[in-house]
Amino acid sequence: MAKRLIYVGQDDDLSDLAGKVQAAAPGDEIALAVPPGAQAFQTALNLRLLRSVATKRGLTTTIVCPDPRIQEVARS
């Protein structure tokens, strides 16, 4: 099991991120470094879909972001 850091671009959409997450090996621990205001992290639905992709691959995910709004959406 490896640890992996994925940088999220400001304009990355959900399909971009799903592809990055799917590239991780099953069982990896991934941290998503999210810039403030990142488009893909504006709704709880997007985060649930991304979590679903990670769960199906057996990944553990962490979101690292200084934006309090994104932190709150990630917690929900």
N, C-alpha and C. Protein backbone atom coordinates (compact mmCIF):
# COMPACT_ATOMS: atom_id res chain seq x y z
N MET A 1 0.84 -1.17 0.00
CA MET A 1 0.00 0.00 0.00
C MET A 1 0.90 1.24 0.00
N ALA A 2 0.72 2.08 -1.01
CA ALA A 2 1.53 3.28 -1.16
C ALA A 2 0.72 4.52 -0.79
N LYS A 3 1.44 5.57 -0.44
CA LYS A 3 0.81 6.86 -0.20
C LYS A 3 1.04 7.70 -1.44
N ARG A 4 0.01 8.41 -1.84
CA ARG A 4 0.06 9.14 -3.09
C ARG A 4 -0.60 10.51 -2.91
N LEU A 5 0.03 11.55 -3.48
CA LEU A 5 -0.51 12.90 -3.43
C LEU A 5 -1.00 13.27 -4.83
N ILE A 6 -2.25 13.72 -4.90
CA ILE A 6 -2.84 14.13 -6.17
C ILE A 6 -3.17 15.62 -6.08
N TYR A 7 -2.57 16.40 -6.97
CA TYR A 7 -2.86 17.82 -7.02
C TYR A 7 -4.09 18.05 -7.87
N VAL A 8 -5.05 18.76 -7.33
CA VAL A 8 -6.29 19.08 -8.04
C VAL A 8 -6.13 20.46 -8.66
N GLY A 9 -6.40 20.55 -9.95
CA GLY A 9 -6.34 21.83 -10.63
C GLY A 9 -7.59 22.65 -10.34
N GLN A 10 -7.46 23.95 -10.39
CA GLN A 10 -8.58 24.85 -10.14
C GLN A 10 -9.78 24.53 -11.02
N ASP A 11 -9.52 24.18 -12.27
CA ASP A 11 -10.60 23.93 -13.22
C ASP A 11 -10.82 22.45 -13.53
N ASP A 12 -10.18 21.55 -12.79
CA ASP A 12 -10.42 20.12 -13.00
C ASP A 12 -11.90 19.82 -12.79
N ASP A 13 -12.47 19.02 -13.67
CA ASP A 13 -13.85 18.61 -13.44
C ASP A 13 -13.86 17.21 -12.83
N LEU A 14 -15.04 16.73 -12.53
CA LEU A 14 -15.16 15.45 -11.84
C LEU A 14 -14.54 14.30 -12.62
N SER A 15 -14.71 14.30 -13.94
CA SER A 15 -14.15 13.20 -14.73
C SER A 15 -12.62 13.23 -14.72
N ASP A 16 -12.01 14.43 -14.71
CA ASP A 16 -10.55 14.54 -14.58
C ASP A 16 -10.08 13.90 -13.28
N LEU A 17 -10.76 14.25 -12.19
CA LEU A 17 -10.37 13.73 -10.89
C LEU A 17 -10.61 12.24 -10.77
N ALA A 18 -11.73 11.76 -11.31
CA ALA A 18 -12.01 10.32 -11.27
C ALA A 18 -10.90 9.56 -11.97
N GLY A 19 -10.42 10.09 -13.09
CA GLY A 19 -9.31 9.44 -13.80
C GLY A 19 -8.04 9.41 -12.98
N LYS A 20 -7.75 10.51 -12.28
CA LYS A 20 -6.56 10.55 -11.43
C LYS A 20 -6.67 9.56 -10.28
N VAL A 21 -7.85 9.47 -9.69
CA VAL A 21 -8.07 8.54 -8.57
C VAL A 21 -7.99 7.10 -9.07
N GLN A 22 -8.58 6.82 -10.21
CA GLN A 22 -8.54 5.46 -10.75
C GLN A 22 -7.14 5.02 -11.13
N ALA A 23 -6.24 5.96 -11.37
CA ALA A 23 -4.85 5.62 -11.70
C ALA A 23 -4.07 5.08 -10.50
N ALA A 24 -4.59 5.32 -9.30
CA ALA A 24 -3.93 4.82 -8.09
C ALA A 24 -4.14 3.31 -7.98
N ALA A 25 -3.17 2.65 -7.40
CA ALA A 25 -3.25 1.20 -7.22
C ALA A 25 -4.26 0.87 -6.12
N PRO A 26 -4.99 -0.23 -6.27
CA PRO A 26 -5.94 -0.62 -5.23
C PRO A 26 -5.24 -0.69 -3.86
N GLY A 27 -5.90 -0.14 -2.86
CA GLY A 27 -5.36 -0.15 -1.51
C GLY A 27 -4.50 1.03 -1.15
N ASP A 28 -4.18 1.88 -2.12
CA ASP A 28 -3.34 3.05 -1.84
C ASP A 28 -4.06 4.04 -0.93
N GLU A 29 -3.28 4.85 -0.25
CA GLU A 29 -3.79 5.98 0.50
C GLU A 29 -3.51 7.21 -0.34
N ILE A 30 -4.55 7.96 -0.68
CA ILE A 30 -4.33 9.15 -1.50
C ILE A 30 -4.78 10.40 -0.76
N ALA A 31 -4.02 11.47 -0.96
CA ALA A 31 -4.37 12.78 -0.43
C ALA A 31 -4.62 13.68 -1.63
N LEU A 32 -5.75 14.35 -1.63
CA LEU A 32 -6.09 15.29 -2.69
C LEU A 32 -5.78 16.70 -2.21
N ALA A 33 -4.81 17.35 -2.84
CA ALA A 33 -4.45 18.73 -2.50
C ALA A 33 -5.33 19.64 -3.35
N VAL A 34 -6.27 20.30 -2.70
CA VAL A 34 -7.32 21.06 -3.38
C VAL A 34 -7.10 22.56 -3.18
N PRO A 35 -7.02 23.33 -4.29
CA PRO A 35 -6.88 24.78 -4.13
C PRO A 35 -8.22 25.41 -3.72
N PRO A 36 -8.20 26.54 -3.06
CA PRO A 36 -9.45 27.22 -2.70
C PRO A 36 -10.29 27.49 -3.95
N GLY A 37 -11.59 27.23 -3.83
CA GLY A 37 -12.51 27.50 -4.93
C GLY A 37 -12.49 26.49 -6.06
N ALA A 38 -11.84 25.35 -5.88
CA ALA A 38 -11.78 24.34 -6.93
C ALA A 38 -13.19 23.96 -7.38
N GLN A 39 -13.42 23.98 -8.68
CA GLN A 39 -14.76 23.76 -9.23
C GLN A 39 -15.35 22.40 -8.86
N ALA A 40 -14.55 21.35 -8.91
CA ALA A 40 -15.06 20.00 -8.68
C ALA A 40 -15.48 19.77 -7.23
N PHE A 41 -15.09 20.65 -6.32
CA PHE A 41 -15.37 20.45 -4.90
C PHE A 41 -16.43 21.42 -4.37
N GLN A 42 -17.26 21.94 -5.25
CA GLN A 42 -18.28 22.91 -4.85
C GLN A 42 -19.57 22.25 -4.36
N THR A 43 -19.80 21.00 -4.71
CA THR A 43 -21.04 20.34 -4.28
C THR A 43 -20.75 19.03 -3.57
N ALA A 44 -21.61 18.69 -2.63
CA ALA A 44 -21.47 17.42 -1.91
C ALA A 44 -21.66 16.24 -2.85
N LEU A 45 -22.50 16.40 -3.87
CA LEU A 45 -22.72 15.31 -4.83
C LEU A 45 -21.42 14.93 -5.53
N ASN A 46 -20.65 15.91 -5.97
CA ASN A 46 -19.37 15.61 -6.62
C ASN A 46 -18.44 14.85 -5.69
N LEU A 47 -18.41 15.25 -4.43
CA LEU A 47 -17.54 14.56 -3.48
C LEU A 47 -18.02 13.14 -3.21
N ARG A 48 -19.32 12.93 -3.16
CA ARG A 48 -19.84 11.57 -2.97
C ARG A 48 -19.50 10.69 -4.16
N LEU A 49 -19.60 11.23 -5.36
CA LEU A 49 -19.24 10.46 -6.55
C LEU A 49 -17.75 10.12 -6.55
N LEU A 50 -16.93 11.07 -6.18
CA LEU A 50 -15.49 10.82 -6.12
C LEU A 50 -15.16 9.78 -5.04
N ARG A 51 -15.84 9.87 -3.90
CA ARG A 51 -15.64 8.88 -2.83
C ARG A 51 -16.05 7.49 -3.31
N SER A 52 -17.12 7.42 -4.09
CA SER A 52 -17.57 6.14 -4.63
C SER A 52 -16.51 5.52 -5.52
N VAL A 53 -15.90 6.33 -6.37
CA VAL A 53 -14.82 5.83 -7.24
C VAL A 53 -13.68 5.30 -6.39
N ALA A 54 -13.28 6.07 -5.36
CA ALA A 54 -12.17 5.65 -4.50
C ALA A 54 -12.50 4.39 -3.73
N THR A 55 -13.71 4.29 -3.21
CA THR A 55 -14.12 3.12 -2.43
C THR A 55 -14.11 1.85 -3.28
N LYS A 56 -14.58 1.97 -4.50
CA LYS A 56 -14.58 0.80 -5.40
C LYS A 56 -13.17 0.31 -5.69
N ARG A 57 -12.19 1.20 -5.62
CA ARG A 57 -10.79 0.82 -5.85
C ARG A 57 -10.10 0.42 -4.54
N GLY A 58 -10.80 0.53 -3.42
CA GLY A 58 -10.20 0.18 -2.13
C GLY A 58 -9.22 1.22 -1.64
N LEU A 59 -9.44 2.47 -2.01
CA LEU A 59 -8.54 3.55 -1.65
C LEU A 59 -9.01 4.27 -0.39
N THR A 60 -8.05 4.75 0.37
CA THR A 60 -8.32 5.63 1.50
C THR A 60 -8.00 7.03 1.03
N THR A 61 -8.93 7.97 1.24
CA THR A 61 -8.71 9.33 0.74
C THR A 61 -8.73 10.36 1.85
N THR A 62 -7.95 11.40 1.62
CA THR A 62 -7.90 12.56 2.51
C THR A 62 -7.94 13.80 1.62
N ILE A 63 -8.67 14.81 2.04
CA ILE A 63 -8.72 16.06 1.30
C ILE A 63 -7.98 17.12 2.10
N VAL A 64 -7.04 17.78 1.45
CA VAL A 64 -6.25 18.83 2.09
C VAL A 64 -6.58 20.13 1.36
N CYS A 65 -7.21 21.07 2.09
CA CYS A 65 -7.63 22.32 1.46
C CYS A 65 -7.76 23.42 2.51
N PRO A 66 -7.24 24.61 2.22
CA PRO A 66 -7.37 25.71 3.18
C PRO A 66 -8.73 26.41 3.12
N ASP A 67 -9.56 26.09 2.13
CA ASP A 67 -10.86 26.76 1.95
C ASP A 67 -11.89 26.17 2.92
N PRO A 68 -12.40 26.96 3.87
CA PRO A 68 -13.34 26.44 4.87
C PRO A 68 -14.64 25.89 4.24
N ARG A 69 -15.08 26.47 3.15
CA ARG A 69 -16.30 25.98 2.50
C ARG A 69 -16.09 24.58 1.94
N ILE A 70 -14.96 24.37 1.29
CA ILE A 70 -14.66 23.03 0.75
C ILE A 70 -14.47 22.03 1.88
N GLN A 71 -13.85 22.46 2.97
CA GLN A 71 -13.68 21.58 4.13
C GLN A 71 -15.04 21.13 4.65
N GLU A 72 -15.98 22.06 4.72
CA GLU A 72 -17.32 21.73 5.22
C GLU A 72 -18.06 20.78 4.27
N VAL A 73 -17.96 21.03 2.97
CA VAL A 73 -18.59 20.15 1.99
C VAL A 73 -17.98 18.75 2.08
N ALA A 74 -16.67 18.68 2.27
CA ALA A 74 -15.99 17.38 2.37
C ALA A 74 -16.44 16.61 3.61
N ARG A 75 -16.69 17.32 4.70
CA ARG A 75 -17.14 16.65 5.93
C ARG A 75 -18.56 16.09 5.80
N SER A 76 -19.38 16.72 4.98
CA SER A 76 -20.79 16.32 4.90
C SER A 76 -21.03 15.05 4.13
